[in-house]
Amino acid sequence: MQPEIQEFSTLLRTDGLHAALQYLNSRTPHRYTGVFRFDGEMLRNEALFDRYEPSVQRGDDVPMAVTYCSLVGRQQAPLEIQDASTDSSAQQIHTSVVSYCGVPILDASGSPIGTLCHYDTQRCQERTADLPLLEAAADLLRGRLGATTSITATN
């Protein structure tokens, strides 16, 4: 196991999800790092780390139609948007988020149940080298979403 994945795993186990998200956030220029769960037409925030307000542990739930997470769910693949104003994949979503980097969280059968992502309302230069860490972290978060409702990422 790579040292970064080991660090995330240890923090998740010993200090909890918020501390583990803080660790991921420390490796990116984005303000926010969050775990989101698909719930029909809504995207539910399960946990959030806000670099400027570290005491915040959850964000708002939002309609799927205004999120880049919906694209991650539909494509079942990572998505990176450095600047939504110039990225063609971002044009179909109307949101205040300008920079986004997210990966799907899959259930045991391989269906998307949510996302792990970094995002910001300002332009950020993502460190693409951290994408494998986000994907490994998403695998470790699989059991934490505990989807009990009908999950869909096709909305």
N, C-alpha and C. Protein backbone atom coordinates (compact mmCIF):
# COMPACT_ATOMS: atom_id res chain seq x y z
N MET A 1 0.85 -1.18 0.00
CA MET A 1 0.00 0.00 0.00
C MET A 1 0.89 1.25 0.00
N GLN A 2 0.57 2.20 -0.86
CA GLN A 2 1.35 3.43 -0.94
C GLN A 2 1.23 4.21 0.37
N PRO A 3 2.26 4.99 0.72
CA PRO A 3 2.23 5.72 2.00
C PRO A 3 1.03 6.67 2.14
N GLU A 4 0.63 7.32 1.05
CA GLU A 4 -0.50 8.26 1.11
C GLU A 4 -1.80 7.52 1.41
N ILE A 5 -1.99 6.36 0.80
CA ILE A 5 -3.20 5.57 1.03
C ILE A 5 -3.18 5.04 2.46
N GLN A 6 -2.01 4.60 2.93
CA GLN A 6 -1.88 4.13 4.30
C GLN A 6 -2.21 5.25 5.29
N GLU A 7 -1.72 6.45 5.02
CA GLU A 7 -2.00 7.60 5.89
C GLU A 7 -3.50 7.89 5.93
N PHE A 8 -4.15 7.91 4.76
CA PHE A 8 -5.59 8.13 4.71
C PHE A 8 -6.32 7.05 5.49
N SER A 9 -5.96 5.81 5.25
CA SER A 9 -6.62 4.67 5.92
C SER A 9 -6.46 4.75 7.43
N THR A 10 -5.27 5.07 7.89
CA THR A 10 -5.02 5.19 9.33
C THR A 10 -5.84 6.32 9.94
N LEU A 11 -5.85 7.48 9.29
CA LEU A 11 -6.64 8.61 9.79
C LEU A 11 -8.13 8.27 9.82
N LEU A 12 -8.61 7.62 8.78
CA LEU A 12 -10.01 7.23 8.71
C LEU A 12 -10.37 6.32 9.88
N ARG A 13 -9.52 5.36 10.15
CA ARG A 13 -9.77 4.39 11.21
C ARG A 13 -9.61 5.00 12.61
N THR A 14 -8.58 5.81 12.82
CA THR A 14 -8.28 6.30 14.17
C THR A 14 -8.93 7.64 14.52
N ASP A 15 -9.02 8.56 13.53
CA ASP A 15 -9.51 9.90 13.83
C ASP A 15 -10.84 10.23 13.16
N GLY A 16 -11.30 9.37 12.26
CA GLY A 16 -12.60 9.57 11.63
C GLY A 16 -12.55 10.19 10.25
N LEU A 17 -13.72 10.26 9.65
CA LEU A 17 -13.85 10.70 8.27
C LEU A 17 -13.43 12.15 8.07
N HIS A 18 -13.80 13.04 8.99
CA HIS A 18 -13.46 14.45 8.83
C HIS A 18 -11.93 14.65 8.78
N ALA A 19 -11.22 13.98 9.67
CA ALA A 19 -9.75 14.07 9.68
C ALA A 19 -9.15 13.50 8.40
N ALA A 20 -9.73 12.41 7.90
CA ALA A 20 -9.25 11.81 6.66
C ALA A 20 -9.50 12.74 5.47
N LEU A 21 -10.64 13.42 5.46
CA LEU A 21 -10.91 14.39 4.39
C LEU A 21 -9.97 15.59 4.49
N GLN A 22 -9.65 16.00 5.71
CA GLN A 22 -8.69 17.09 5.90
C GLN A 22 -7.34 16.71 5.31
N TYR A 23 -6.92 15.48 5.51
CA TYR A 23 -5.66 15.01 4.94
C TYR A 23 -5.71 15.10 3.41
N LEU A 24 -6.78 14.60 2.80
CA LEU A 24 -6.89 14.69 1.34
C LEU A 24 -6.87 16.14 0.89
N ASN A 25 -7.58 17.00 1.62
CA ASN A 25 -7.66 18.41 1.25
C ASN A 25 -6.30 19.10 1.34
N SER A 26 -5.46 18.65 2.25
CA SER A 26 -4.13 19.27 2.41
C SER A 26 -3.25 19.02 1.18
N ARG A 27 -3.66 18.11 0.34
CA ARG A 27 -2.86 17.74 -0.84
C ARG A 27 -3.38 18.39 -2.12
N THR A 28 -4.34 19.30 -2.01
CA THR A 28 -4.97 19.91 -3.18
C THR A 28 -5.11 21.41 -2.97
N PRO A 29 -5.21 22.19 -4.05
CA PRO A 29 -5.46 23.62 -3.90
C PRO A 29 -6.94 23.95 -3.66
N HIS A 30 -7.83 22.98 -3.80
CA HIS A 30 -9.27 23.22 -3.66
C HIS A 30 -9.65 23.53 -2.21
N ARG A 31 -10.68 24.34 -2.07
CA ARG A 31 -11.16 24.71 -0.73
C ARG A 31 -11.88 23.55 -0.05
N TYR A 32 -12.67 22.81 -0.80
CA TYR A 32 -13.53 21.78 -0.22
C TYR A 32 -13.13 20.37 -0.65
N THR A 33 -13.30 19.43 0.26
CA THR A 33 -13.20 18.01 -0.05
C THR A 33 -14.41 17.36 0.60
N GLY A 34 -15.17 16.59 -0.17
CA GLY A 34 -16.41 16.04 0.37
C GLY A 34 -16.73 14.64 -0.12
N VAL A 35 -17.60 14.00 0.66
CA VAL A 35 -18.17 12.70 0.31
C VAL A 35 -19.66 12.94 0.09
N PHE A 36 -20.14 12.52 -1.06
CA PHE A 36 -21.54 12.73 -1.44
C PHE A 36 -22.18 11.40 -1.82
N ARG A 37 -23.47 11.27 -1.51
CA ARG A 37 -24.24 10.06 -1.80
C ARG A 37 -25.36 10.41 -2.77
N PHE A 38 -25.51 9.57 -3.79
CA PHE A 38 -26.62 9.74 -4.73
C PHE A 38 -27.91 9.27 -4.08
N ASP A 39 -28.95 10.08 -4.20
CA ASP A 39 -30.26 9.75 -3.64
C ASP A 39 -31.33 10.26 -4.59
N GLY A 40 -31.56 9.50 -5.66
CA GLY A 40 -32.56 9.89 -6.65
C GLY A 40 -32.18 11.21 -7.30
N GLU A 41 -33.03 12.21 -7.16
CA GLU A 41 -32.81 13.53 -7.75
C GLU A 41 -31.89 14.42 -6.91
N MET A 42 -31.49 13.93 -5.73
CA MET A 42 -30.68 14.74 -4.82
C MET A 42 -29.29 14.15 -4.63
N LEU A 43 -28.35 15.03 -4.37
CA LEU A 43 -27.00 14.65 -3.98
C LEU A 43 -26.87 15.01 -2.51
N ARG A 44 -26.69 14.00 -1.67
CA ARG A 44 -26.63 14.18 -0.22
C ARG A 44 -25.19 14.31 0.24
N ASN A 45 -24.89 15.36 0.98
CA ASN A 45 -23.55 15.51 1.53
C ASN A 45 -23.44 14.69 2.80
N GLU A 46 -22.53 13.76 2.80
CA GLU A 46 -22.31 12.89 3.96
C GLU A 46 -21.23 13.44 4.88
N ALA A 47 -20.23 14.10 4.30
CA ALA A 47 -19.13 14.67 5.08
C ALA A 47 -18.42 15.71 4.22
N LEU A 48 -17.90 16.75 4.89
CA LEU A 48 -17.25 17.83 4.16
C LEU A 48 -16.10 18.38 4.98
N PHE A 49 -15.00 18.70 4.30
CA PHE A 49 -13.93 19.48 4.93
C PHE A 49 -13.82 20.77 4.15
N ASP A 50 -13.91 21.90 4.85
CA ASP A 50 -13.80 23.24 4.28
C ASP A 50 -12.51 23.86 4.83
N ARG A 51 -11.56 24.09 3.96
CA ARG A 51 -10.25 24.61 4.37
C ARG A 51 -10.36 25.91 5.15
N TYR A 52 -11.32 26.78 4.81
CA TYR A 52 -11.44 28.08 5.47
C TYR A 52 -12.33 28.03 6.71
N GLU A 53 -13.12 26.99 6.85
CA GLU A 53 -13.96 26.79 8.03
C GLU A 53 -13.87 25.33 8.46
N PRO A 54 -12.72 24.94 9.05
CA PRO A 54 -12.47 23.54 9.39
C PRO A 54 -13.47 22.91 10.36
N SER A 55 -14.20 23.73 11.10
CA SER A 55 -15.18 23.17 12.04
C SER A 55 -16.43 22.65 11.32
N VAL A 56 -16.67 23.09 10.10
CA VAL A 56 -17.81 22.60 9.31
C VAL A 56 -17.56 21.14 8.95
N GLN A 57 -18.55 20.29 9.21
CA GLN A 57 -18.37 18.87 8.91
C GLN A 57 -19.35 18.33 7.88
N ARG A 58 -20.37 19.14 7.55
CA ARG A 58 -21.33 18.74 6.51
C ARG A 58 -21.74 19.97 5.74
N GLY A 59 -22.03 19.73 4.46
CA GLY A 59 -22.52 20.80 3.60
C GLY A 59 -23.98 20.56 3.26
N ASP A 60 -24.49 21.38 2.37
CA ASP A 60 -25.89 21.27 1.96
C ASP A 60 -26.08 20.14 0.96
N ASP A 61 -27.27 19.57 0.97
CA ASP A 61 -27.70 18.66 -0.08
C ASP A 61 -28.13 19.53 -1.26
N VAL A 62 -27.92 19.05 -2.48
CA VAL A 62 -28.26 19.84 -3.67
C VAL A 62 -28.88 18.94 -4.73
N PRO A 63 -29.67 19.54 -5.63
CA PRO A 63 -30.23 18.74 -6.73
C PRO A 63 -29.11 18.17 -7.60
N MET A 64 -29.25 16.92 -7.99
CA MET A 64 -28.25 16.26 -8.84
C MET A 64 -27.97 17.05 -10.12
N ALA A 65 -29.01 17.68 -10.68
CA ALA A 65 -28.89 18.35 -11.97
C ALA A 65 -27.87 19.49 -11.97
N VAL A 66 -27.50 20.02 -10.80
CA VAL A 66 -26.56 21.14 -10.75
C VAL A 66 -25.20 20.74 -10.20
N THR A 67 -24.84 19.45 -10.36
CA THR A 67 -23.58 18.98 -9.80
C THR A 67 -22.72 18.26 -10.83
N TYR A 68 -21.42 18.43 -10.68
CA TYR A 68 -20.48 17.65 -11.48
C TYR A 68 -20.45 16.21 -10.99
N CYS A 69 -20.82 16.00 -9.74
CA CYS A 69 -20.89 14.62 -9.22
C CYS A 69 -21.84 13.77 -10.07
N SER A 70 -22.90 14.38 -10.58
CA SER A 70 -23.84 13.63 -11.43
C SER A 70 -23.13 13.09 -12.67
N LEU A 71 -22.19 13.88 -13.22
CA LEU A 71 -21.43 13.42 -14.39
C LEU A 71 -20.52 12.26 -14.02
N VAL A 72 -19.89 12.33 -12.84
CA VAL A 72 -19.04 11.23 -12.38
C VAL A 72 -19.87 9.96 -12.25
N GLY A 73 -21.07 10.08 -11.70
CA GLY A 73 -21.95 8.92 -11.54
C GLY A 73 -22.39 8.34 -12.86
N ARG A 74 -22.77 9.20 -13.79
CA ARG A 74 -23.21 8.73 -15.10
C ARG A 74 -22.09 8.06 -15.87
N GLN A 75 -20.90 8.66 -15.83
CA GLN A 75 -19.75 8.13 -16.58
C GLN A 75 -19.05 6.99 -15.84
N GLN A 76 -19.32 6.89 -14.54
CA GLN A 76 -18.66 5.91 -13.67
C GLN A 76 -17.15 5.99 -13.84
N ALA A 77 -16.68 7.23 -13.89
CA ALA A 77 -15.25 7.47 -14.10
C ALA A 77 -14.86 8.80 -13.44
N PRO A 78 -13.59 8.96 -13.12
CA PRO A 78 -13.12 10.22 -12.55
C PRO A 78 -13.38 11.38 -13.52
N LEU A 79 -13.53 12.56 -12.94
CA LEU A 79 -13.74 13.77 -13.73
C LEU A 79 -12.91 14.88 -13.12
N GLU A 80 -12.18 15.59 -13.96
CA GLU A 80 -11.39 16.73 -13.51
C GLU A 80 -11.73 17.93 -14.37
N ILE A 81 -12.13 19.01 -13.72
CA ILE A 81 -12.44 20.27 -14.40
C ILE A 81 -11.61 21.35 -13.72
N GLN A 82 -10.65 21.90 -14.46
CA GLN A 82 -9.82 22.95 -13.87
C GLN A 82 -10.51 24.31 -13.92
N ASP A 83 -11.26 24.56 -15.00
CA ASP A 83 -11.95 25.83 -15.15
C ASP A 83 -13.24 25.58 -15.93
N ALA A 84 -14.36 25.63 -15.23
CA ALA A 84 -15.65 25.30 -15.84
C ALA A 84 -16.00 26.22 -17.01
N SER A 85 -15.47 27.44 -17.00
CA SER A 85 -15.80 28.37 -18.09
C SER A 85 -15.16 27.98 -19.42
N THR A 86 -14.13 27.12 -19.37
CA THR A 86 -13.46 26.72 -20.61
C THR A 86 -13.53 25.22 -20.89
N ASP A 87 -14.14 24.46 -20.00
CA ASP A 87 -14.18 23.00 -20.13
C ASP A 87 -15.53 22.58 -20.74
N SER A 88 -15.49 21.93 -21.89
CA SER A 88 -16.74 21.56 -22.57
C SER A 88 -17.58 20.58 -21.78
N SER A 89 -16.96 19.72 -20.98
CA SER A 89 -17.74 18.76 -20.18
C SER A 89 -18.52 19.45 -19.08
N ALA A 90 -18.14 20.67 -18.73
CA ALA A 90 -18.80 21.39 -17.65
C ALA A 90 -19.98 22.24 -18.14
N GLN A 91 -20.11 22.43 -19.42
CA GLN A 91 -21.09 23.36 -19.95
C GLN A 91 -22.53 22.94 -19.68
N GLN A 92 -22.79 21.66 -19.50
CA GLN A 92 -24.16 21.20 -19.29
C GLN A 92 -24.64 21.37 -17.85
N ILE A 93 -23.74 21.74 -16.93
CA ILE A 93 -24.08 21.89 -15.52
C ILE A 93 -24.01 23.37 -15.16
N HIS A 94 -25.04 23.87 -14.48
CA HIS A 94 -25.09 25.27 -14.07
C HIS A 94 -24.90 25.34 -12.56
N THR A 95 -23.66 25.68 -12.16
CA THR A 95 -23.30 25.70 -10.75
C THR A 95 -22.25 26.79 -10.53
N SER A 96 -22.06 27.17 -9.27
CA SER A 96 -21.03 28.15 -8.94
C SER A 96 -19.65 27.50 -8.80
N VAL A 97 -19.59 26.17 -8.86
CA VAL A 97 -18.32 25.46 -8.77
C VAL A 97 -17.53 25.68 -10.06
N VAL A 98 -16.28 26.12 -9.92
CA VAL A 98 -15.43 26.42 -11.06
C VAL A 98 -14.42 25.31 -11.30
N SER A 99 -13.84 24.79 -10.22
CA SER A 99 -12.84 23.71 -10.32
C SER A 99 -13.34 22.50 -9.56
N TYR A 100 -13.16 21.32 -10.16
CA TYR A 100 -13.71 20.10 -9.59
C TYR A 100 -12.80 18.93 -9.94
N CYS A 101 -12.63 18.03 -9.01
CA CYS A 101 -11.93 16.78 -9.25
C CYS A 101 -12.63 15.72 -8.42
N GLY A 102 -13.28 14.76 -9.07
CA GLY A 102 -14.05 13.77 -8.33
C GLY A 102 -13.92 12.38 -8.90
N VAL A 103 -14.15 11.40 -8.01
CA VAL A 103 -14.12 9.99 -8.40
C VAL A 103 -15.37 9.32 -7.86
N PRO A 104 -15.83 8.27 -8.55
CA PRO A 104 -17.02 7.58 -8.06
C PRO A 104 -16.71 6.70 -6.85
N ILE A 105 -17.69 6.58 -5.99
CA ILE A 105 -17.68 5.57 -4.93
C ILE A 105 -18.66 4.51 -5.40
N LEU A 106 -18.18 3.28 -5.52
CA LEU A 106 -18.99 2.19 -6.08
C LEU A 106 -19.41 1.23 -4.98
N ASP A 107 -20.58 0.63 -5.14
CA ASP A 107 -21.00 -0.39 -4.19
C ASP A 107 -20.33 -1.71 -4.55
N ALA A 108 -20.63 -2.76 -3.81
CA ALA A 108 -19.97 -4.05 -4.00
C ALA A 108 -20.20 -4.63 -5.40
N SER A 109 -21.30 -4.25 -6.04
CA SER A 109 -21.58 -4.76 -7.39
C SER A 109 -21.01 -3.87 -8.48
N GLY A 110 -20.36 -2.76 -8.09
CA GLY A 110 -19.74 -1.88 -9.08
C GLY A 110 -20.62 -0.75 -9.56
N SER A 111 -21.77 -0.55 -8.93
CA SER A 111 -22.66 0.55 -9.30
C SER A 111 -22.30 1.81 -8.49
N PRO A 112 -22.38 2.98 -9.13
CA PRO A 112 -22.04 4.21 -8.41
C PRO A 112 -23.08 4.55 -7.35
N ILE A 113 -22.61 4.84 -6.14
CA ILE A 113 -23.51 5.23 -5.06
C ILE A 113 -23.19 6.63 -4.54
N GLY A 114 -22.09 7.20 -5.03
CA GLY A 114 -21.72 8.54 -4.59
C GLY A 114 -20.37 8.94 -5.16
N THR A 115 -19.82 10.03 -4.61
CA THR A 115 -18.54 10.53 -5.07
C THR A 115 -17.68 11.00 -3.89
N LEU A 116 -16.41 11.01 -4.14
CA LEU A 116 -15.42 11.66 -3.29
C LEU A 116 -14.80 12.73 -4.19
N CYS A 117 -14.82 13.98 -3.73
CA CYS A 117 -14.35 15.04 -4.64
C CYS A 117 -13.72 16.21 -3.90
N HIS A 118 -12.90 16.94 -4.67
CA HIS A 118 -12.39 18.25 -4.30
C HIS A 118 -13.12 19.24 -5.20
N TYR A 119 -13.48 20.41 -4.65
CA TYR A 119 -14.08 21.43 -5.50
C TYR A 119 -13.87 22.82 -4.92
N ASP A 120 -14.07 23.83 -5.77
CA ASP A 120 -13.85 25.20 -5.36
C ASP A 120 -14.65 26.13 -6.27
N THR A 121 -15.03 27.28 -5.75
CA THR A 121 -15.71 28.28 -6.57
C THR A 121 -14.70 29.20 -7.26
N GLN A 122 -13.42 28.95 -7.04
CA GLN A 122 -12.32 29.65 -7.71
C GLN A 122 -11.58 28.64 -8.59
N ARG A 123 -10.86 29.14 -9.59
CA ARG A 123 -10.08 28.26 -10.46
C ARG A 123 -8.90 27.68 -9.67
N CYS A 124 -8.71 26.37 -9.80
CA CYS A 124 -7.61 25.68 -9.13
C CYS A 124 -6.87 24.82 -10.14
N GLN A 125 -5.60 24.69 -9.93
CA GLN A 125 -4.79 23.78 -10.74
C GLN A 125 -4.68 22.48 -9.96
N GLU A 126 -5.36 21.45 -10.40
CA GLU A 126 -5.36 20.17 -9.69
C GLU A 126 -4.04 19.45 -9.87
N ARG A 127 -3.70 18.67 -8.87
CA ARG A 127 -2.53 17.79 -8.94
C ARG A 127 -3.02 16.43 -9.40
N THR A 128 -2.97 16.19 -10.70
CA THR A 128 -3.50 14.97 -11.28
C THR A 128 -2.87 13.72 -10.66
N ALA A 129 -1.67 13.85 -10.14
CA ALA A 129 -1.01 12.71 -9.52
C ALA A 129 -1.78 12.18 -8.31
N ASP A 130 -2.67 12.99 -7.76
CA ASP A 130 -3.46 12.56 -6.60
C ASP A 130 -4.73 11.80 -6.99
N LEU A 131 -5.04 11.71 -8.26
CA LEU A 131 -6.23 10.97 -8.69
C LEU A 131 -6.20 9.52 -8.22
N PRO A 132 -5.08 8.80 -8.32
CA PRO A 132 -5.05 7.43 -7.78
C PRO A 132 -5.32 7.37 -6.28
N LEU A 133 -4.87 8.39 -5.54
CA LEU A 133 -5.16 8.43 -4.10
C LEU A 133 -6.65 8.62 -3.87
N LEU A 134 -7.29 9.50 -4.61
CA LEU A 134 -8.75 9.68 -4.47
C LEU A 134 -9.49 8.39 -4.79
N GLU A 135 -9.07 7.70 -5.84
CA GLU A 135 -9.73 6.44 -6.20
C GLU A 135 -9.55 5.39 -5.11
N ALA A 136 -8.35 5.28 -4.55
CA ALA A 136 -8.12 4.32 -3.47
C ALA A 136 -8.92 4.70 -2.23
N ALA A 137 -8.98 6.00 -1.94
CA ALA A 137 -9.76 6.47 -0.79
C ALA A 137 -11.24 6.19 -0.99
N ALA A 138 -11.73 6.37 -2.22
CA ALA A 138 -13.14 6.08 -2.52
C ALA A 138 -13.45 4.62 -2.25
N ASP A 139 -12.52 3.72 -2.59
CA ASP A 139 -12.72 2.30 -2.30
C ASP A 139 -12.85 2.06 -0.80
N LEU A 140 -12.05 2.76 -0.02
CA LEU A 140 -12.10 2.61 1.44
C LEU A 140 -13.38 3.20 2.04
N LEU A 141 -14.01 4.12 1.32
CA LEU A 141 -15.23 4.76 1.81
C LEU A 141 -16.51 4.01 1.44
N ARG A 142 -16.39 3.00 0.61
CA ARG A 142 -17.55 2.28 0.09
C ARG A 142 -18.55 1.92 1.19
N GLY A 143 -18.10 1.29 2.25
CA GLY A 143 -19.00 0.85 3.31
C GLY A 143 -19.58 1.97 4.15
N ARG A 144 -19.02 3.17 4.06
CA ARG A 144 -19.49 4.29 4.89
C ARG A 144 -20.75 4.95 4.36
N LEU A 145 -21.07 4.75 3.08
CA LEU A 145 -22.27 5.40 2.54
C LEU A 145 -23.53 4.63 2.90
N GLY A 146 -23.43 3.33 3.04
CA GLY A 146 -24.57 2.54 3.47
C GLY A 146 -25.86 2.88 2.77
N ALA A 147 -25.85 2.90 1.46
CA ALA A 147 -27.03 3.28 0.69
C ALA A 147 -28.20 2.35 1.01
N THR A 148 -29.28 2.94 1.49
CA THR A 148 -30.48 2.16 1.81
C THR A 148 -31.65 2.56 0.93
N THR A 149 -31.47 3.59 0.12
CA THR A 149 -32.53 4.01 -0.78
C THR A 149 -32.10 3.72 -2.21
N SER A 150 -33.03 3.90 -3.13
CA SER A 150 -32.72 3.70 -4.53
C SER A 150 -31.72 4.76 -4.97
N ILE A 151 -30.58 4.32 -5.45
CA ILE A 151 -29.51 5.22 -5.87
C ILE A 151 -29.48 5.25 -7.39
N THR A 152 -29.42 6.46 -7.94
CA THR A 152 -29.30 6.58 -9.38
C THR A 152 -28.41 7.76 -9.70
N ALA A 153 -27.57 7.57 -10.69
CA ALA A 153 -26.69 8.67 -11.13
C ALA A 153 -27.05 9.07 -12.55
N THR A 154 -28.19 8.68 -13.03
CA THR A 154 -28.55 8.96 -14.42
C THR A 154 -29.45 10.17 -14.55
N ASN A 155 -29.71 10.85 -13.46
CA ASN A 155 -30.59 12.03 -13.52
C ASN A 155 -29.86 13.24 -14.04
